[in-house]
Amino acid sequence: MLYEPLTLRSGAVLPNRLALAPLTNGQSLPDGRLGDDELAWLGRCADGGFGLLETCAAYVALDGKAWDGELGVDRDDDLEGLGRLAARMRRGGGLAIVQLFHGGVRATQRLSGEQVWSASTWQEATPGFEVPRVATELDLARVIEQFAAAAARCQAAGFDGVELHGAHGYLLSQFLSATMNQRGDRWGGDPAGRARLIREVARAVRARCGRQFTLGVRLSLEDWGSARGLDLDDSLQVARWLAEDGVDFVHASLWNAAAMTQKRPADHPVPLLRAALPRDVAVIACGSVWTAADAVALRERGADVVALGRAAICNPEWPIAARTAGWEPRRPPLTRAELLERSISPVFIGYLARWKNFVAS
């Protein structure tokens, strides 16, 4: 089940059903250009046999940049580095996908010099929270164009496609949220209004890049962490609408792929998402998948592709190694030396050290 090819709506063919999830790592240069550490890490995973590989979240506009060392796809002078990255990621035979991102309120004025903005304005009792201004019609027209231009840039660089980051409480997710989006105009209100921005972005990318360029979207189906104000049934409807708008896959960010839904504890989210979508729109699912048995279980629930995050960090050759019966993946904690051996840079290790018990002391 894990090593069958899959043909997407776009015509692109995945050689297997295993994906590298998009992972924040801070390995790009301060100006957003490709860093050698980023190239080495994604190249290592490409050689590991993943059928689809995603970059870290890459900002489409400077006012959407959320952290130091984030990859940028917002300028034409990025093309040389992006071209090198695309070629290296494709060398292993898998599809190379860029995750397109705008942080909205999760961006920071420290990096952009501009006040952050979002669907609405609100205050959070969290350290360093920057109160957002309310997005104008000009902001929204501009960001739709920025997503489309970034996708075209990735296409010109040689990538196979892009994924819109509509999860985890970033800009597109903020508009989907019933709590973060308190607008009374056409960009808010009911689910159709709140979904307008992500749908307009998807349509703009599809129109700019054509049917043969793979387009996906990542969604948080329910509340988790910074993703708030999300209703399961509303999210399934958003997925249906995006399928109508031409996406090739919907990537469900589940955090724990074994867990049932919050709204209906008897139901698992993957069969619900699979049933909501046309058969030719692929479902990608991820969330604490470690073993081949975990991945097979998710496939049996209806996921067409299973994405690995932390398991891939510890085991960049996971797709190759998992072909061996009885193989058990390495799990954390890993020492800094072990992580360096896996092409994880010191900067990435510093980020991983914030995860409980991931980096050995």
Protein backbone atom coordinates (compact mmCIF):
# COMPACT_ATOMS: atom_id res chain seq x y z
CA MET A 1 0.00 0.00 0.00
CA LEU A 2 2.90 2.38 0.60
CA TYR A 3 4.84 1.77 -2.60
CA GLU A 4 2.17 2.03 -5.28
CA PRO A 5 2.43 4.96 -7.70
CA LEU A 6 -0.26 7.63 -7.63
CA THR A 7 -1.32 9.86 -10.52
CA LEU A 8 -2.69 13.23 -9.44
CA ARG A 9 -5.34 15.28 -11.23
CA SER A 10 -2.52 17.41 -12.65
CA GLY A 11 -1.02 14.36 -14.35
CA ALA A 12 1.99 14.28 -12.03
CA VAL A 13 2.93 10.80 -10.83
CA LEU A 14 4.16 10.04 -7.32
CA PRO A 15 6.36 6.92 -7.31
CA ASN A 16 5.04 5.96 -3.87
CA ARG A 17 2.56 7.05 -1.19
CA LEU A 18 5.08 8.61 1.22
CA ALA A 19 5.66 12.35 1.59
CA LEU A 20 8.05 14.56 3.47
CA ALA A 21 5.92 17.00 5.43
CA PRO A 22 6.80 20.72 5.35
CA LEU A 23 9.06 21.41 8.32
CA THR A 24 10.09 24.74 9.81
CA ASN A 25 13.86 24.74 10.19
CA GLY A 26 15.32 28.27 9.95
CA GLN A 27 18.06 27.14 7.55
CA SER A 28 17.64 29.82 4.86
CA LEU A 29 19.73 32.99 4.70
CA PRO A 30 18.65 36.15 6.56
CA ASP A 31 17.32 37.68 3.33
CA GLY A 32 15.20 34.61 2.55
CA ARG A 33 17.47 33.14 -0.09
CA LEU A 34 18.36 29.48 -0.19
CA GLY A 35 21.04 28.39 2.26
CA ASP A 36 23.42 25.47 1.77
CA ASP A 37 22.08 23.81 4.92
CA GLU A 38 18.54 23.85 3.54
CA LEU A 39 19.75 22.39 0.25
CA ALA A 40 21.66 19.62 2.04
CA TRP A 41 18.74 18.68 4.29
CA LEU A 42 16.11 18.46 1.55
CA GLY A 43 18.60 16.71 -0.73
CA ARG A 44 19.19 14.09 1.94
CA CYS A 45 15.45 13.44 2.18
CA ALA A 46 15.13 13.33 -1.61
CA ASP A 47 17.75 10.59 -1.68
CA GLY A 48 15.74 8.81 1.03
CA GLY A 49 13.03 7.88 -1.45
CA PHE A 50 10.03 10.06 -0.60
CA GLY A 51 7.47 10.14 -3.40
CA LEU A 52 6.61 13.77 -2.63
CA LEU A 53 8.77 16.30 -0.82
CA GLU A 54 7.65 19.67 0.52
CA THR A 55 9.84 22.59 1.42
CA CYS A 56 9.45 24.46 4.66
CA ALA A 57 6.82 27.21 4.66
CA ALA A 58 8.06 29.83 2.19
CA TYR A 59 6.80 33.39 2.48
CA VAL A 60 5.13 34.98 -0.53
CA ALA A 61 5.56 38.55 0.77
CA LEU A 62 7.93 40.15 3.25
CA ASP A 63 5.05 41.31 5.45
CA GLY A 64 4.13 37.62 5.82
CA LYS A 65 7.56 36.50 7.07
CA ALA A 66 7.19 34.92 10.49
CA TRP A 67 10.62 33.76 11.65
CA ASP A 68 14.33 34.10 11.09
CA GLY A 69 15.81 31.84 8.45
CA GLU A 70 12.52 31.39 6.61
CA LEU A 71 12.72 30.65 2.89
CA GLY A 72 11.41 33.41 0.61
CA VAL A 73 9.69 33.01 -2.76
CA ASP A 74 8.69 36.65 -3.05
CA ARG A 75 11.28 37.97 -5.54
CA ASP A 76 12.47 37.09 -9.00
CA ASP A 77 16.09 37.25 -7.88
CA ASP A 78 15.34 34.14 -5.79
CA LEU A 79 15.05 32.07 -8.97
CA GLU A 80 18.66 30.86 -9.14
CA GLY A 81 18.57 29.39 -5.66
CA LEU A 82 15.06 28.06 -6.09
CA GLY A 83 16.14 26.37 -9.31
CA ARG A 84 19.01 24.63 -7.52
CA LEU A 85 16.65 23.49 -4.79
CA ALA A 86 14.07 22.16 -7.24
CA ALA A 87 16.68 20.22 -9.20
CA ARG A 88 18.15 18.70 -6.03
CA MET A 89 14.77 17.72 -4.59
CA ARG A 90 13.68 16.08 -7.86
CA ARG A 91 16.88 14.07 -8.16
CA GLY A 92 15.51 11.30 -5.96
CA GLY A 93 12.54 10.75 -8.26
CA GLY A 94 9.85 12.33 -6.10
CA LEU A 95 7.72 15.42 -6.73
CA ALA A 96 9.15 18.70 -5.43
CA ILE A 97 6.52 20.97 -3.87
CA VAL A 98 6.90 24.42 -2.30
CA GLN A 99 4.62 25.30 0.60
CA LEU A 100 3.42 28.88 0.07
CA PHE A 101 2.87 30.86 3.24
CA HIS A 102 1.78 34.18 4.69
CA GLY A 103 1.86 34.52 8.45
CA GLY A 104 -0.77 37.21 8.86
CA VAL A 105 -0.83 38.03 12.56
CA ARG A 106 1.83 35.33 13.09
CA ALA A 107 4.30 37.36 11.03
CA THR A 108 6.41 40.00 12.77
CA GLN A 109 7.20 43.66 12.24
CA ARG A 110 10.75 42.94 13.39
CA LEU A 111 11.44 41.19 10.09
CA SER A 112 9.29 43.21 7.69
CA GLY A 113 9.23 46.69 9.18
CA GLU A 114 5.45 46.73 8.73
CA GLN A 115 2.57 46.27 11.15
CA VAL A 116 1.12 42.77 10.92
CA TRP A 117 -2.39 42.40 9.54
CA SER A 118 -5.17 39.84 9.56
CA ALA A 119 -8.87 39.36 8.94
CA SER A 120 -9.74 41.27 12.10
CA THR A 121 -7.95 42.86 15.01
CA TRP A 122 -7.72 41.21 18.41
CA GLN A 123 -5.49 40.88 21.44
CA GLU A 124 -3.87 37.71 22.79
CA ALA A 125 -2.33 37.35 26.22
CA THR A 126 0.85 35.83 24.82
CA PRO A 127 4.37 37.27 25.14
CA GLY A 128 5.36 39.44 22.20
CA PHE A 129 1.92 39.37 20.56
CA GLU A 130 1.62 42.06 17.89
CA VAL A 131 -1.90 43.42 17.53
CA PRO A 132 -2.88 43.21 13.86
CA ARG A 133 -4.56 45.86 11.80
CA VAL A 134 -7.63 44.88 9.79
CA ALA A 135 -6.97 43.85 6.19
CA THR A 136 -8.19 46.24 3.52
CA GLU A 137 -9.50 45.33 0.08
CA LEU A 138 -6.11 46.48 -1.26
CA ASP A 139 -4.28 44.13 1.10
CA LEU A 140 -6.39 41.20 -0.07
CA ALA A 141 -6.03 41.94 -3.77
CA ARG A 142 -2.29 42.30 -3.26
CA VAL A 143 -1.83 39.06 -1.29
CA ILE A 144 -3.85 37.04 -3.82
CA GLU A 145 -1.52 38.34 -6.52
CA GLN A 146 1.52 37.62 -4.33
CA PHE A 147 0.49 33.98 -3.90
CA ALA A 148 -0.08 33.63 -7.65
CA ALA A 149 3.23 35.32 -8.51
CA ALA A 150 5.10 33.15 -6.01
CA ALA A 151 3.56 30.00 -7.52
CA ALA A 152 4.59 31.11 -11.02
CA ARG A 153 8.09 31.77 -9.69
CA CYS A 154 8.25 28.23 -8.28
CA GLN A 155 7.01 26.86 -11.59
CA ALA A 156 9.69 28.77 -13.48
CA ALA A 157 12.31 27.42 -11.05
CA GLY A 158 11.36 23.84 -11.95
CA PHE A 159 9.20 22.74 -9.03
CA ASP A 160 6.35 20.33 -9.70
CA GLY A 161 3.80 22.28 -7.72
CA VAL A 162 2.88 24.25 -4.62
CA GLU A 163 0.83 23.75 -1.48
CA LEU A 164 -1.12 26.65 0.04
CA HIS A 165 -0.61 26.77 3.81
CA GLY A 166 -4.17 27.06 5.04
CA ALA A 167 -3.49 25.46 8.42
CA HIS A 168 -1.99 26.17 11.85
CA GLY A 169 -3.52 29.61 12.35
CA TYR A 170 -1.56 31.45 9.66
CA LEU A 171 -3.18 34.01 7.33
CA LEU A 172 -5.40 31.76 5.22
CA SER A 173 -6.44 29.85 8.34
CA GLN A 174 -7.11 33.15 10.16
CA PHE A 175 -9.67 34.03 7.50
CA LEU A 176 -11.27 30.57 7.81
CA SER A 177 -11.59 30.98 11.57
CA ALA A 178 -14.96 31.95 13.04
CA THR A 179 -13.17 33.60 15.98
CA MET A 180 -10.26 35.33 14.25
CA ASN A 181 -12.40 36.52 11.34
CA GLN A 182 -15.06 38.89 12.66
CA ARG A 183 -15.57 40.75 9.38
CA GLY A 184 -19.00 41.76 8.20
CA ASP A 185 -18.09 42.13 4.54
CA ARG A 186 -17.71 39.57 1.75
CA TRP A 187 -14.47 38.23 3.27
CA GLY A 188 -16.13 37.15 6.53
CA GLY A 189 -19.42 36.15 8.09
CA ASP A 190 -20.61 32.71 7.03
CA PRO A 191 -18.29 29.84 5.97
CA ALA A 192 -18.51 30.89 2.32
CA GLY A 193 -17.32 34.40 3.16
CA ARG A 194 -14.53 33.18 5.43
CA ALA A 195 -13.38 30.75 2.72
CA ARG A 196 -13.33 33.42 0.03
CA LEU A 197 -9.65 34.33 0.47
CA ILE A 198 -8.24 30.80 0.27
CA ARG A 199 -10.52 30.03 -2.68
CA GLU A 200 -9.51 33.19 -4.54
CA VAL A 201 -5.85 32.33 -3.94
CA ALA A 202 -6.34 28.78 -5.25
CA ARG A 203 -8.14 30.05 -8.34
CA ALA A 204 -5.47 32.67 -9.00
CA VAL A 205 -2.67 30.11 -8.75
CA ARG A 206 -4.50 27.68 -11.02
CA ALA A 207 -5.17 30.40 -13.60
CA ARG A 208 -1.56 31.58 -13.52
CA CYS A 209 0.16 28.21 -13.61
CA GLY A 210 -2.16 25.96 -15.64
CA ARG A 211 -3.69 22.54 -15.06
CA GLN A 212 -0.44 20.58 -15.29
CA PHE A 213 1.13 22.36 -12.30
CA THR A 214 0.25 20.50 -9.11
CA LEU A 215 -1.73 22.56 -6.59
CA GLY A 216 -2.58 21.42 -3.09
CA VAL A 217 -3.75 22.98 0.15
CA ARG A 218 -3.00 22.14 3.77
CA LEU A 219 -5.86 22.50 6.24
CA SER A 220 -6.38 22.19 9.96
CA LEU A 221 -9.77 20.52 10.19
CA GLU A 222 -10.38 21.45 13.83
CA ASP A 223 -8.81 23.59 16.54
CA TRP A 224 -5.29 22.75 17.59
CA GLY A 225 -2.60 25.09 18.89
CA SER A 226 -2.72 28.39 17.00
CA ALA A 227 -5.50 27.11 14.71
CA ARG A 228 -8.70 28.24 16.38
CA GLY A 229 -12.32 28.83 15.49
CA LEU A 230 -12.46 25.89 13.07
CA ASP A 231 -15.48 23.62 12.82
CA LEU A 232 -15.03 20.12 11.38
CA ASP A 233 -18.01 20.30 9.03
CA ASP A 234 -17.09 23.77 7.85
CA SER A 235 -13.57 22.50 7.10
CA LEU A 236 -14.92 19.57 5.09
CA GLN A 237 -17.03 22.03 3.08
CA VAL A 238 -13.97 24.21 2.47
CA ALA A 239 -12.19 21.12 1.14
CA ARG A 240 -15.12 20.45 -1.23
CA TRP A 241 -15.04 24.02 -2.49
CA LEU A 242 -11.30 23.86 -3.06
CA ALA A 243 -11.76 20.68 -5.07
CA GLU A 244 -14.22 22.60 -7.25
CA ASP A 245 -11.58 25.32 -7.60
CA GLY A 246 -9.09 22.84 -9.03
CA VAL A 247 -6.80 21.63 -6.26
CA ASP A 248 -5.09 18.28 -6.78
CA PHE A 249 -4.76 17.31 -3.13
CA VAL A 250 -5.91 18.30 0.35
CA HIS A 251 -3.35 17.80 3.10
CA ALA A 252 -4.93 17.27 6.52
CA SER A 253 -2.65 18.36 9.34
CA LEU A 254 -3.80 16.10 12.16
CA TRP A 255 -0.94 16.26 14.73
CA ASN A 256 -2.06 12.84 15.99
CA ALA A 257 -3.22 10.70 13.08
CA ALA A 258 -4.56 8.02 15.41
CA ALA A 259 -7.01 10.38 17.13
CA MET A 260 -10.71 10.68 16.38
CA THR A 261 -12.32 14.04 15.71
CA GLN A 262 -13.18 16.38 18.56
CA LYS A 263 -16.66 17.11 17.25
CA ARG A 264 -17.62 13.49 16.61
CA PRO A 265 -15.42 11.22 18.74
CA ALA A 266 -16.70 8.10 16.98
CA ASP A 267 -15.38 9.35 13.62
CA HIS A 268 -11.84 9.57 12.32
CA PRO A 269 -11.10 12.65 10.19
CA VAL A 270 -9.50 10.87 7.24
CA PRO A 271 -12.55 8.84 6.12
CA LEU A 272 -14.66 11.99 6.50
CA LEU A 273 -12.29 13.99 4.31
CA ARG A 274 -12.00 11.18 1.78
CA ALA A 275 -15.78 10.96 1.51
CA ALA A 276 -16.09 14.73 1.07
CA LEU A 277 -13.77 14.89 -1.92
CA PRO A 278 -13.98 13.61 -5.49
CA ARG A 279 -12.02 10.41 -6.01
CA ASP A 280 -9.43 12.16 -8.18
CA VAL A 281 -8.50 14.65 -5.45
CA ALA A 282 -5.85 13.03 -3.27
CA VAL A 283 -5.94 13.08 0.52
CA ILE A 284 -2.60 13.53 2.28
CA ALA A 285 -2.57 13.00 6.04
CA CYS A 286 0.10 13.37 8.68
CA GLY A 287 0.45 13.42 12.44
CA SER A 288 2.80 11.38 14.64
CA VAL A 289 3.31 8.62 12.07
CA TRP A 290 6.43 6.65 12.97
CA THR A 291 6.24 3.05 11.76
CA ALA A 292 5.24 1.37 8.52
CA ALA A 293 2.26 -0.05 10.41
CA ASP A 294 1.21 3.50 11.36
CA ALA A 295 1.41 4.54 7.72
CA VAL A 296 -0.51 1.52 6.47
CA ALA A 297 -3.23 2.14 9.06
CA LEU A 298 -3.66 5.69 7.77
CA ARG A 299 -3.78 4.44 4.18
CA GLU A 300 -6.46 1.94 5.19
CA ARG A 301 -8.53 4.78 6.63
CA GLY A 302 -8.53 6.46 3.22
CA ALA A 303 -5.36 8.57 2.99
CA ASP A 304 -3.87 8.37 -0.50
CA VAL A 305 -0.51 9.65 0.77
CA VAL A 306 1.02 9.62 4.25
CA ALA A 307 3.32 12.49 5.23
CA LEU A 308 6.13 12.14 7.78
CA GLY A 309 7.59 14.95 9.85
CA ARG A 310 9.51 14.07 13.00
CA ALA A 311 9.98 10.50 11.83
CA ALA A 312 11.68 11.84 8.70
CA ILE A 313 13.99 14.07 10.73
CA CYS A 314 15.17 11.03 12.68
CA ASN A 315 15.07 8.73 9.63
CA PRO A 316 15.65 10.65 6.37
CA GLU A 317 15.83 7.32 4.51
CA TRP A 318 12.53 6.14 6.01
CA PRO A 319 10.88 5.12 2.67
CA ILE A 320 13.85 2.94 1.75
CA ALA A 321 14.39 1.50 5.22
CA ALA A 322 10.71 0.68 5.77
CA ARG A 323 10.78 -1.81 2.89
CA THR A 324 12.68 -4.17 5.18
CA ALA A 325 10.33 -6.33 7.25
CA GLY A 326 10.69 -5.69 10.95
CA TRP A 327 12.54 -2.41 10.58
CA GLU A 328 11.98 -0.03 13.47
CA PRO A 329 12.59 3.70 13.01
CA ARG A 330 14.95 5.62 15.22
CA ARG A 331 13.03 7.73 17.71
CA PRO A 332 14.08 10.71 19.84
CA PRO A 333 15.97 11.75 21.77
CA LEU A 334 18.88 12.00 19.35
CA THR A 335 22.23 13.52 20.19
CA ARG A 336 23.45 16.59 18.32
CA ALA A 337 26.07 14.41 16.65
CA GLU A 338 23.37 12.00 15.43
CA LEU A 339 21.35 14.90 14.03
CA LEU A 340 24.39 16.34 12.26
CA GLU A 341 24.91 12.91 10.67
CA ARG A 342 21.37 13.24 9.29
CA SER A 343 22.19 16.55 7.53
CA ILE A 344 20.45 18.59 10.23
CA SER A 345 22.29 21.89 10.64
CA PRO A 346 23.17 23.47 13.99
CA VAL A 347 20.46 26.08 13.40
CA PHE A 348 17.84 23.38 12.80
CA ILE A 349 19.10 21.50 15.85
CA GLY A 350 18.59 24.66 17.89
CA TYR A 351 14.98 24.75 16.75
CA LEU A 352 14.47 21.05 17.50
CA ALA A 353 15.86 21.59 21.00
CA ARG A 354 12.64 23.50 21.76
CA TRP A 355 10.71 20.24 21.30
CA LYS A 356 10.45 18.28 24.53
CA ASN A 357 12.89 15.35 24.70
CA PHE A 358 13.82 15.51 21.00
CA VAL A 359 17.48 16.53 21.33
CA ALA A 360 19.49 14.64 23.92
CA SER A 361 21.17 16.86 26.48
